[in-house]
Amino acid sequence: MSNSDKYPVLMRLMHWTVGLLILGIIAAGWYMVGLEDNVSYKYDIYHWHKSFGVLVIFLVFARLVIRWASQIPKLPDSMPTYQKKLGTLVHWLLYLFMFLVPVSGYMMSDAAGRDVPLFNLVMPSFLEKNPELAGRLHDIHVIIPYVLLGIVVLHILATIKHRYFDKPEHDVLHRML
């Protein structure tokens, strides 16, 4: 297999790193909101959840820059056009929601008048305190991770389909390994 059949190493590392980070952040979010307020470490989890969320914003941006600057392997010519178009749509939806989920959390905290940390730094505030806006952003931030997870499931199922149920030349998993 030639190097032109694979994504560049940096893109492969970013793919797996950002994917695992997002899944971990979503799991931590579900866990932390389920804790009683008197649990001593609950708000420590919020700090880490927000910090890694901000990190994902930067990593997704960097990933897009790297993608635009890199040679991306072409999908097999024998793959049906509708599958190529659907794959492209799913990838761009992944990028969109990988950005929207943490940005909605950032904006929610900012509109609620809460600090948005990036580990030991405090990120700048862009919004005035607005409880109504914070409430709407909270609703969005609670819902759209499910949309992101649905898109991730489609992405994984498509990878499995191409690897195990299609022609061998349609196996696209090797491009990210």
N, C-alpha and C. Protein backbone atom coordinates (compact mmCIF):
# COMPACT_ATOMS: atom_id res chain seq x y z
N MET A 1 0.85 -1.17 0.00
CA MET A 1 0.00 0.00 0.00
C MET A 1 0.89 1.24 0.00
N SER A 2 0.63 2.15 -0.90
CA SER A 2 1.44 3.36 -0.98
C SER A 2 0.95 4.39 0.05
N ASN A 3 1.80 5.36 0.32
CA ASN A 3 1.42 6.42 1.27
C ASN A 3 0.26 7.25 0.75
N SER A 4 0.07 7.29 -0.59
CA SER A 4 -1.04 8.07 -1.13
C SER A 4 -2.38 7.39 -0.88
N ASP A 5 -2.35 6.11 -0.45
CA ASP A 5 -3.59 5.40 -0.11
C ASP A 5 -4.03 5.67 1.32
N LYS A 6 -3.18 6.33 2.09
CA LYS A 6 -3.48 6.59 3.50
C LYS A 6 -3.54 8.09 3.74
N TYR A 7 -4.26 8.45 4.80
CA TYR A 7 -4.22 9.84 5.24
C TYR A 7 -2.85 10.11 5.83
N PRO A 8 -2.41 11.36 5.80
CA PRO A 8 -1.12 11.68 6.42
C PRO A 8 -1.12 11.31 7.91
N VAL A 9 0.04 10.99 8.44
CA VAL A 9 0.16 10.52 9.82
C VAL A 9 -0.49 11.50 10.80
N LEU A 10 -0.26 12.78 10.62
CA LEU A 10 -0.83 13.77 11.53
C LEU A 10 -2.36 13.73 11.51
N MET A 11 -2.94 13.54 10.35
CA MET A 11 -4.41 13.46 10.27
C MET A 11 -4.91 12.19 10.94
N ARG A 12 -4.18 11.08 10.78
CA ARG A 12 -4.59 9.83 11.44
C ARG A 12 -4.52 9.99 12.95
N LEU A 13 -3.46 10.61 13.45
CA LEU A 13 -3.35 10.84 14.90
C LEU A 13 -4.47 11.74 15.40
N MET A 14 -4.76 12.79 14.65
CA MET A 14 -5.83 13.72 15.04
C MET A 14 -7.19 13.02 15.02
N HIS A 15 -7.42 12.17 14.03
CA HIS A 15 -8.68 11.44 13.91
C HIS A 15 -8.95 10.64 15.18
N TRP A 16 -8.00 9.82 15.58
CA TRP A 16 -8.20 8.94 16.73
C TRP A 16 -8.18 9.73 18.04
N THR A 17 -7.32 10.73 18.15
CA THR A 17 -7.24 11.53 19.38
C THR A 17 -8.53 12.30 19.60
N VAL A 18 -8.98 13.03 18.59
CA VAL A 18 -10.20 13.83 18.73
C VAL A 18 -11.41 12.91 18.93
N GLY A 19 -11.46 11.80 18.21
CA GLY A 19 -12.58 10.87 18.39
C GLY A 19 -12.68 10.35 19.81
N LEU A 20 -11.55 9.92 20.36
CA LEU A 20 -11.55 9.40 21.73
C LEU A 20 -11.85 10.51 22.74
N LEU A 21 -11.29 11.70 22.51
CA LEU A 21 -11.57 12.83 23.40
C LEU A 21 -13.06 13.15 23.43
N ILE A 22 -13.67 13.21 22.27
CA ILE A 22 -15.09 13.56 22.21
C ILE A 22 -15.93 12.51 22.91
N LEU A 23 -15.65 11.25 22.67
CA LEU A 23 -16.41 10.20 23.35
C LEU A 23 -16.22 10.28 24.86
N GLY A 24 -15.00 10.55 25.31
CA GLY A 24 -14.74 10.70 26.73
C GLY A 24 -15.43 11.90 27.34
N ILE A 25 -15.44 13.01 26.61
CA ILE A 25 -16.09 14.23 27.11
C ILE A 25 -17.60 14.02 27.22
N ILE A 26 -18.19 13.36 26.23
CA ILE A 26 -19.63 13.09 26.28
C ILE A 26 -19.95 12.17 27.46
N ALA A 27 -19.14 11.13 27.63
CA ALA A 27 -19.36 10.20 28.76
C ALA A 27 -19.21 10.94 30.09
N ALA A 28 -18.20 11.80 30.20
CA ALA A 28 -18.01 12.57 31.43
C ALA A 28 -19.19 13.51 31.66
N GLY A 29 -19.71 14.09 30.58
CA GLY A 29 -20.87 14.98 30.70
C GLY A 29 -22.09 14.24 31.24
N TRP A 30 -22.35 13.07 30.71
CA TRP A 30 -23.47 12.27 31.21
C TRP A 30 -23.26 11.91 32.68
N TYR A 31 -22.04 11.54 33.01
CA TYR A 31 -21.74 11.13 34.38
C TYR A 31 -21.90 12.30 35.35
N MET A 32 -21.33 13.46 35.00
CA MET A 32 -21.32 14.59 35.94
C MET A 32 -22.73 15.13 36.19
N VAL A 33 -23.56 15.18 35.17
CA VAL A 33 -24.91 15.73 35.38
C VAL A 33 -25.77 14.77 36.19
N GLY A 34 -25.38 13.51 36.25
CA GLY A 34 -26.12 12.53 37.04
C GLY A 34 -25.72 12.50 38.50
N LEU A 35 -24.65 13.21 38.84
CA LEU A 35 -24.19 13.23 40.23
C LEU A 35 -25.02 14.21 41.06
N GLU A 36 -25.22 13.87 42.32
CA GLU A 36 -25.88 14.79 43.26
C GLU A 36 -24.94 15.98 43.49
N ASP A 37 -25.53 17.14 43.81
CA ASP A 37 -24.72 18.34 44.03
C ASP A 37 -23.76 18.22 45.21
N ASN A 38 -24.05 17.33 46.13
CA ASN A 38 -23.19 17.21 47.31
C ASN A 38 -21.99 16.27 47.08
N VAL A 39 -21.85 15.71 45.88
CA VAL A 39 -20.69 14.87 45.58
C VAL A 39 -19.47 15.79 45.45
N SER A 40 -18.46 15.51 46.24
CA SER A 40 -17.34 16.45 46.39
C SER A 40 -16.59 16.74 45.09
N TYR A 41 -16.52 15.81 44.18
CA TYR A 41 -15.71 15.99 42.98
C TYR A 41 -16.55 16.37 41.74
N LYS A 42 -17.85 16.58 41.92
CA LYS A 42 -18.72 16.86 40.77
C LYS A 42 -18.21 18.04 39.95
N TYR A 43 -17.88 19.14 40.61
CA TYR A 43 -17.50 20.35 39.87
C TYR A 43 -16.06 20.29 39.37
N ASP A 44 -15.27 19.37 39.91
CA ASP A 44 -13.96 19.09 39.31
C ASP A 44 -14.15 18.48 37.92
N ILE A 45 -15.15 17.61 37.80
CA ILE A 45 -15.43 17.00 36.50
C ILE A 45 -15.90 18.07 35.51
N TYR A 46 -16.70 19.02 35.96
CA TYR A 46 -17.13 20.12 35.09
C TYR A 46 -15.91 20.87 34.55
N HIS A 47 -14.94 21.14 35.44
CA HIS A 47 -13.72 21.85 35.03
C HIS A 47 -13.01 21.07 33.91
N TRP A 48 -12.83 19.78 34.10
CA TRP A 48 -12.13 18.96 33.11
C TRP A 48 -12.96 18.82 31.83
N HIS A 49 -14.27 18.68 31.99
CA HIS A 49 -15.18 18.58 30.84
C HIS A 49 -15.05 19.83 29.97
N LYS A 50 -15.09 21.00 30.60
CA LYS A 50 -14.97 22.25 29.86
C LYS A 50 -13.58 22.40 29.26
N SER A 51 -12.55 22.07 30.02
CA SER A 51 -11.17 22.22 29.53
C SER A 51 -10.93 21.36 28.29
N PHE A 52 -11.34 20.11 28.36
CA PHE A 52 -11.15 19.24 27.19
C PHE A 52 -12.06 19.66 26.04
N GLY A 53 -13.23 20.21 26.35
CA GLY A 53 -14.11 20.74 25.30
C GLY A 53 -13.45 21.88 24.55
N VAL A 54 -12.82 22.81 25.27
CA VAL A 54 -12.11 23.92 24.62
C VAL A 54 -10.95 23.36 23.80
N LEU A 55 -10.24 22.39 24.34
CA LEU A 55 -9.15 21.76 23.60
C LEU A 55 -9.67 21.17 22.29
N VAL A 56 -10.84 20.55 22.31
CA VAL A 56 -11.42 19.97 21.09
C VAL A 56 -11.70 21.06 20.06
N ILE A 57 -12.16 22.23 20.49
CA ILE A 57 -12.39 23.33 19.54
C ILE A 57 -11.10 23.63 18.79
N PHE A 58 -10.01 23.77 19.53
CA PHE A 58 -8.72 24.06 18.89
C PHE A 58 -8.26 22.91 17.99
N LEU A 59 -8.43 21.67 18.47
CA LEU A 59 -8.00 20.51 17.69
C LEU A 59 -8.81 20.33 16.41
N VAL A 60 -10.12 20.58 16.47
CA VAL A 60 -10.95 20.47 15.27
C VAL A 60 -10.55 21.54 14.26
N PHE A 61 -10.30 22.74 14.74
CA PHE A 61 -9.82 23.80 13.85
C PHE A 61 -8.49 23.39 13.21
N ALA A 62 -7.55 22.90 14.04
CA ALA A 62 -6.25 22.46 13.51
C ALA A 62 -6.43 21.32 12.52
N ARG A 63 -7.36 20.43 12.84
CA ARG A 63 -7.61 19.29 11.95
C ARG A 63 -8.11 19.75 10.60
N LEU A 64 -8.98 20.75 10.58
CA LEU A 64 -9.47 21.28 9.30
C LEU A 64 -8.34 21.93 8.50
N VAL A 65 -7.49 22.68 9.18
CA VAL A 65 -6.35 23.32 8.50
C VAL A 65 -5.44 22.24 7.91
N ILE A 66 -5.16 21.22 8.70
CA ILE A 66 -4.30 20.12 8.22
C ILE A 66 -4.96 19.42 7.04
N ARG A 67 -6.26 19.21 7.14
CA ARG A 67 -6.99 18.55 6.03
C ARG A 67 -6.87 19.35 4.75
N TRP A 68 -7.06 20.66 4.84
CA TRP A 68 -7.00 21.50 3.64
C TRP A 68 -5.58 21.57 3.08
N ALA A 69 -4.58 21.39 3.92
CA ALA A 69 -3.19 21.48 3.48
C ALA A 69 -2.62 20.12 3.07
N SER A 70 -3.39 19.06 3.22
CA SER A 70 -2.88 17.71 2.98
C SER A 70 -3.45 17.09 1.72
N GLN A 71 -2.72 16.11 1.24
CA GLN A 71 -3.19 15.28 0.13
C GLN A 71 -4.10 14.21 0.72
N ILE A 72 -5.37 14.25 0.37
CA ILE A 72 -6.35 13.31 0.90
C ILE A 72 -6.50 12.16 -0.09
N PRO A 73 -6.43 10.91 0.39
CA PRO A 73 -6.57 9.79 -0.54
C PRO A 73 -7.98 9.76 -1.16
N LYS A 74 -8.01 9.45 -2.43
CA LYS A 74 -9.29 9.36 -3.14
C LYS A 74 -10.00 8.08 -2.75
N LEU A 75 -11.31 8.13 -2.78
CA LEU A 75 -12.10 6.92 -2.59
C LEU A 75 -11.97 6.06 -3.84
N PRO A 76 -12.13 4.76 -3.71
CA PRO A 76 -12.00 3.88 -4.88
C PRO A 76 -12.96 4.28 -6.00
N ASP A 77 -12.45 4.26 -7.23
CA ASP A 77 -13.28 4.62 -8.39
C ASP A 77 -14.49 3.70 -8.53
N SER A 78 -14.35 2.46 -8.09
CA SER A 78 -15.44 1.49 -8.24
C SER A 78 -16.54 1.66 -7.19
N MET A 79 -16.31 2.53 -6.22
CA MET A 79 -17.33 2.77 -5.19
C MET A 79 -18.46 3.58 -5.82
N PRO A 80 -19.72 3.21 -5.57
CA PRO A 80 -20.84 3.95 -6.15
C PRO A 80 -20.81 5.44 -5.76
N THR A 81 -21.20 6.28 -6.70
CA THR A 81 -21.16 7.73 -6.50
C THR A 81 -21.99 8.15 -5.29
N TYR A 82 -23.17 7.55 -5.12
CA TYR A 82 -24.01 7.95 -3.99
C TYR A 82 -23.31 7.67 -2.66
N GLN A 83 -22.52 6.58 -2.58
CA GLN A 83 -21.79 6.28 -1.35
C GLN A 83 -20.68 7.30 -1.11
N LYS A 84 -20.01 7.71 -2.17
CA LYS A 84 -18.97 8.74 -2.04
C LYS A 84 -19.58 10.05 -1.54
N LYS A 85 -20.71 10.44 -2.13
CA LYS A 85 -21.37 11.69 -1.73
C LYS A 85 -21.88 11.60 -0.30
N LEU A 86 -22.47 10.47 0.05
CA LEU A 86 -22.96 10.27 1.41
C LEU A 86 -21.80 10.29 2.41
N GLY A 87 -20.70 9.65 2.05
CA GLY A 87 -19.51 9.66 2.91
C GLY A 87 -18.97 11.06 3.12
N THR A 88 -18.94 11.85 2.05
CA THR A 88 -18.48 13.23 2.16
C THR A 88 -19.41 14.04 3.07
N LEU A 89 -20.72 13.86 2.89
CA LEU A 89 -21.70 14.55 3.73
C LEU A 89 -21.50 14.18 5.20
N VAL A 90 -21.36 12.90 5.48
CA VAL A 90 -21.19 12.45 6.87
C VAL A 90 -19.91 13.03 7.46
N HIS A 91 -18.83 13.07 6.69
CA HIS A 91 -17.58 13.63 7.21
C HIS A 91 -17.74 15.12 7.55
N TRP A 92 -18.40 15.87 6.67
CA TRP A 92 -18.58 17.30 6.96
C TRP A 92 -19.55 17.52 8.12
N LEU A 93 -20.54 16.65 8.25
CA LEU A 93 -21.43 16.74 9.43
C LEU A 93 -20.66 16.43 10.71
N LEU A 94 -19.74 15.47 10.63
CA LEU A 94 -18.89 15.17 11.80
C LEU A 94 -18.10 16.42 12.20
N TYR A 95 -17.46 17.04 11.22
CA TYR A 95 -16.69 18.26 11.53
C TYR A 95 -17.59 19.34 12.12
N LEU A 96 -18.75 19.54 11.53
CA LEU A 96 -19.68 20.56 12.01
C LEU A 96 -20.06 20.31 13.47
N PHE A 97 -20.48 19.09 13.79
CA PHE A 97 -20.93 18.80 15.15
C PHE A 97 -19.77 18.66 16.14
N MET A 98 -18.58 18.25 15.65
CA MET A 98 -17.41 18.24 16.55
C MET A 98 -17.08 19.67 16.99
N PHE A 99 -17.46 20.63 16.18
CA PHE A 99 -17.25 22.04 16.51
C PHE A 99 -18.44 22.60 17.30
N LEU A 100 -19.66 22.30 16.86
CA LEU A 100 -20.85 22.87 17.49
C LEU A 100 -21.05 22.42 18.94
N VAL A 101 -20.76 21.16 19.23
CA VAL A 101 -21.00 20.67 20.59
C VAL A 101 -20.15 21.44 21.60
N PRO A 102 -18.82 21.51 21.43
CA PRO A 102 -18.06 22.27 22.44
C PRO A 102 -18.31 23.78 22.39
N VAL A 103 -18.55 24.32 21.22
CA VAL A 103 -18.83 25.77 21.14
C VAL A 103 -20.13 26.10 21.86
N SER A 104 -21.14 25.24 21.73
CA SER A 104 -22.40 25.51 22.43
C SER A 104 -22.19 25.44 23.95
N GLY A 105 -21.32 24.54 24.40
CA GLY A 105 -21.01 24.47 25.83
C GLY A 105 -20.26 25.71 26.31
N TYR A 106 -19.31 26.16 25.51
CA TYR A 106 -18.55 27.38 25.82
C TYR A 106 -19.52 28.56 25.94
N MET A 107 -20.37 28.72 24.92
CA MET A 107 -21.30 29.84 24.91
C MET A 107 -22.30 29.75 26.05
N MET A 108 -22.74 28.53 26.38
CA MET A 108 -23.69 28.33 27.49
C MET A 108 -23.07 28.82 28.80
N SER A 109 -21.83 28.36 29.07
CA SER A 109 -21.16 28.78 30.30
C SER A 109 -20.92 30.27 30.31
N ASP A 110 -20.50 30.80 29.18
CA ASP A 110 -20.22 32.24 29.07
C ASP A 110 -21.49 33.05 29.32
N ALA A 111 -22.59 32.67 28.69
CA ALA A 111 -23.86 33.39 28.87
C ALA A 111 -24.39 33.25 30.28
N ALA A 112 -24.02 32.18 30.97
CA ALA A 112 -24.45 31.98 32.35
C ALA A 112 -23.55 32.74 33.34
N GLY A 113 -22.51 33.39 32.81
CA GLY A 113 -21.60 34.14 33.67
C GLY A 113 -20.56 33.26 34.35
N ARG A 114 -20.38 32.04 33.85
CA ARG A 114 -19.40 31.12 34.43
C ARG A 114 -18.12 31.16 33.61
N ASP A 115 -17.00 30.96 34.29
CA ASP A 115 -15.72 30.89 33.60
C ASP A 115 -15.67 29.66 32.71
N VAL A 116 -14.94 29.81 31.61
CA VAL A 116 -14.67 28.68 30.72
C VAL A 116 -13.17 28.42 30.82
N PRO A 117 -12.79 27.31 31.48
CA PRO A 117 -11.37 27.04 31.65
C PRO A 117 -10.77 26.27 30.47
N LEU A 118 -9.50 26.48 30.31
CA LEU A 118 -8.67 25.61 29.48
C LEU A 118 -7.54 25.19 30.41
N PHE A 119 -7.83 24.19 31.21
CA PHE A 119 -6.95 23.69 32.26
C PHE A 119 -6.68 24.81 33.26
N ASN A 120 -5.48 25.39 33.32
CA ASN A 120 -5.20 26.43 34.31
C ASN A 120 -5.42 27.84 33.78
N LEU A 121 -5.91 27.96 32.57
CA LEU A 121 -6.19 29.27 31.98
C LEU A 121 -7.70 29.50 32.00
N VAL A 122 -8.09 30.76 31.99
CA VAL A 122 -9.51 31.11 31.84
C VAL A 122 -9.65 31.73 30.46
N MET A 123 -10.54 31.16 29.67
CA MET A 123 -10.75 31.64 28.31
C MET A 123 -11.50 32.97 28.35
N PRO A 124 -11.35 33.76 27.29
CA PRO A 124 -12.04 35.06 27.27
C PRO A 124 -13.56 34.90 27.20
N SER A 125 -14.23 35.89 27.76
CA SER A 125 -15.69 35.93 27.71
C SER A 125 -16.10 36.74 26.49
N PHE A 126 -17.06 36.21 25.74
CA PHE A 126 -17.53 36.90 24.54
C PHE A 126 -18.97 37.39 24.68
N LEU A 127 -19.67 36.88 25.69
CA LEU A 127 -21.08 37.19 25.84
C LEU A 127 -21.35 37.86 27.19
N GLU A 128 -22.33 38.75 27.20
CA GLU A 128 -22.79 39.29 28.47
C GLU A 128 -23.64 38.23 29.17
N LYS A 129 -23.70 38.33 30.49
CA LYS A 129 -24.51 37.38 31.23
C LYS A 129 -25.97 37.51 30.78
N ASN A 130 -26.54 36.37 30.39
CA ASN A 130 -27.89 36.36 29.85
C ASN A 130 -28.49 34.99 30.19
N PRO A 131 -29.19 34.89 31.33
CA PRO A 131 -29.73 33.59 31.75
C PRO A 131 -30.67 32.93 30.73
N GLU A 132 -31.45 33.73 30.01
CA GLU A 132 -32.36 33.17 29.02
C GLU A 132 -31.57 32.51 27.88
N LEU A 133 -30.56 33.22 27.39
CA LEU A 133 -29.71 32.67 26.33
C LEU A 133 -28.97 31.44 26.85
N ALA A 134 -28.47 31.51 28.07
CA ALA A 134 -27.77 30.36 28.66
C ALA A 134 -28.68 29.14 28.73
N GLY A 135 -29.95 29.36 29.06
CA GLY A 135 -30.92 28.26 29.11
C GLY A 135 -31.15 27.63 27.74
N ARG A 136 -31.27 28.48 26.72
CA ARG A 136 -31.45 27.95 25.36
C ARG A 136 -30.22 27.19 24.89
N LEU A 137 -29.05 27.77 25.20
CA LEU A 137 -27.80 27.10 24.82
C LEU A 137 -27.63 25.79 25.59
N HIS A 138 -28.09 25.76 26.83
CA HIS A 138 -28.06 24.52 27.61
C HIS A 138 -28.88 23.44 26.91
N ASP A 139 -30.09 23.81 26.48
CA ASP A 139 -30.95 22.84 25.78
C ASP A 139 -30.26 22.32 24.52
N ILE A 140 -29.64 23.22 23.78
CA ILE A 140 -28.91 22.82 22.56
C ILE A 140 -27.74 21.91 22.92
N HIS A 141 -26.99 22.30 23.95
CA HIS A 141 -25.80 21.54 24.34
C HIS A 141 -26.16 20.15 24.86
N VAL A 142 -27.34 19.99 25.39
CA VAL A 142 -27.78 18.68 25.88
C VAL A 142 -28.21 17.79 24.70
N ILE A 143 -28.79 18.38 23.66
CA ILE A 143 -29.34 17.60 22.55
C ILE A 143 -28.29 17.24 21.49
N ILE A 144 -27.46 18.20 21.10
CA ILE A 144 -26.62 17.96 19.91
C ILE A 144 -25.51 16.91 20.12
N PRO A 145 -25.08 16.61 21.34
CA PRO A 145 -24.15 15.47 21.44
C PRO A 145 -24.79 14.16 20.97
N TYR A 146 -26.10 14.02 21.14
CA TYR A 146 -26.79 12.83 20.63
C TYR A 146 -26.75 12.80 19.11
N VAL A 147 -26.90 13.97 18.49
CA VAL A 147 -26.80 14.04 17.03
C VAL A 147 -25.39 13.64 16.60
N LEU A 148 -24.39 14.20 17.29
CA LEU A 148 -23.00 13.85 16.98
C LEU A 148 -22.78 12.35 17.14
N LEU A 149 -23.27 11.77 18.22
CA LEU A 149 -23.10 10.33 18.42
C LEU A 149 -23.80 9.53 17.32
N GLY A 150 -24.96 9.99 16.88
CA GLY A 150 -25.64 9.32 15.77
C GLY A 150 -24.81 9.34 14.50
N ILE A 151 -24.18 10.47 14.23
CA ILE A 151 -23.33 10.58 13.04
C ILE A 151 -22.09 9.69 13.20
N VAL A 152 -21.53 9.64 14.41
CA VAL A 152 -20.39 8.77 14.67
C VAL A 152 -20.78 7.31 14.44
N VAL A 153 -21.96 6.92 14.89
CA VAL A 153 -22.43 5.54 14.68
C VAL A 153 -22.55 5.26 13.17
N LEU A 154 -23.11 6.19 12.40
CA LEU A 154 -23.18 6.02 10.95
C LEU A 154 -21.79 5.84 10.35
N HIS A 155 -20.86 6.66 10.81
CA HIS A 155 -19.46 6.62 10.34
C HIS A 155 -18.85 5.24 10.61
N ILE A 156 -19.06 4.74 11.81
CA ILE A 156 -18.51 3.43 12.20
C ILE A 156 -19.20 2.31 11.41
N LEU A 157 -20.53 2.38 11.30
CA LEU A 157 -21.26 1.35 10.55
C LEU A 157 -20.84 1.33 9.08
N ALA A 158 -20.64 2.50 8.50
CA ALA A 158 -20.18 2.55 7.10
C ALA A 158 -18.79 1.93 6.97
N THR A 159 -17.93 2.19 7.94
CA THR A 159 -16.59 1.60 7.91
C THR A 159 -16.68 0.08 7.99
N ILE A 160 -17.54 -0.42 8.86
CA ILE A 160 -17.73 -1.88 8.99
C ILE A 160 -18.30 -2.46 7.70
N LYS A 161 -19.29 -1.77 7.13
CA LYS A 161 -19.89 -2.23 5.87
C LYS A 161 -18.83 -2.34 4.78
N HIS A 162 -18.04 -1.27 4.62
CA HIS A 162 -17.02 -1.27 3.57
C HIS A 162 -15.95 -2.33 3.83
N ARG A 163 -15.62 -2.57 5.08
CA ARG A 163 -14.56 -3.52 5.40
C ARG A 163 -15.01 -4.98 5.24
N TYR A 164 -16.20 -5.29 5.70
CA TYR A 164 -16.61 -6.69 5.77
C TYR A 164 -17.67 -7.12 4.76
N PHE A 165 -18.38 -6.19 4.15
CA PHE A 165 -19.49 -6.58 3.30
C PHE A 165 -19.36 -6.11 1.85
N ASP A 166 -18.37 -5.28 1.56
CA ASP A 166 -18.17 -4.77 0.21
C ASP A 166 -16.99 -5.46 -0.46
N LYS A 167 -16.71 -5.02 -1.66
CA LYS A 167 -15.52 -5.50 -2.36
C LYS A 167 -14.28 -5.14 -1.53
N PRO A 168 -13.25 -5.95 -1.59
CA PRO A 168 -12.04 -5.65 -0.80
C PRO A 168 -11.46 -4.25 -1.08
N GLU A 169 -11.56 -3.80 -2.32
CA GLU A 169 -11.00 -2.48 -2.64
C GLU A 169 -11.82 -1.33 -2.04
N HIS A 170 -13.01 -1.61 -1.50
CA HIS A 170 -13.83 -0.59 -0.86
C HIS A 170 -13.53 -0.45 0.64
N ASP A 171 -12.63 -1.27 1.15
CA ASP A 171 -12.24 -1.19 2.57
C ASP A 171 -11.46 0.11 2.78
N VAL A 172 -12.08 1.06 3.47
CA VAL A 172 -11.44 2.36 3.69
C VAL A 172 -10.78 2.47 5.06
N LEU A 173 -10.95 1.51 5.92
CA LEU A 173 -10.39 1.58 7.27
C LEU A 173 -8.86 1.70 7.24
N HIS A 174 -8.22 0.99 6.34
CA HIS A 174 -6.75 1.01 6.29
C HIS A 174 -6.21 2.42 6.08
N ARG A 175 -7.02 3.31 5.51
CA ARG A 175 -6.56 4.68 5.26
C ARG A 175 -6.32 5.45 6.56
N MET A 176 -7.00 5.03 7.65
CA MET A 176 -6.87 5.72 8.94
C MET A 176 -6.05 4.93 9.94
N LEU A 177 -5.48 3.82 9.53
CA LEU A 177 -4.66 3.01 10.45
C LEU A 177 -3.18 3.22 10.19
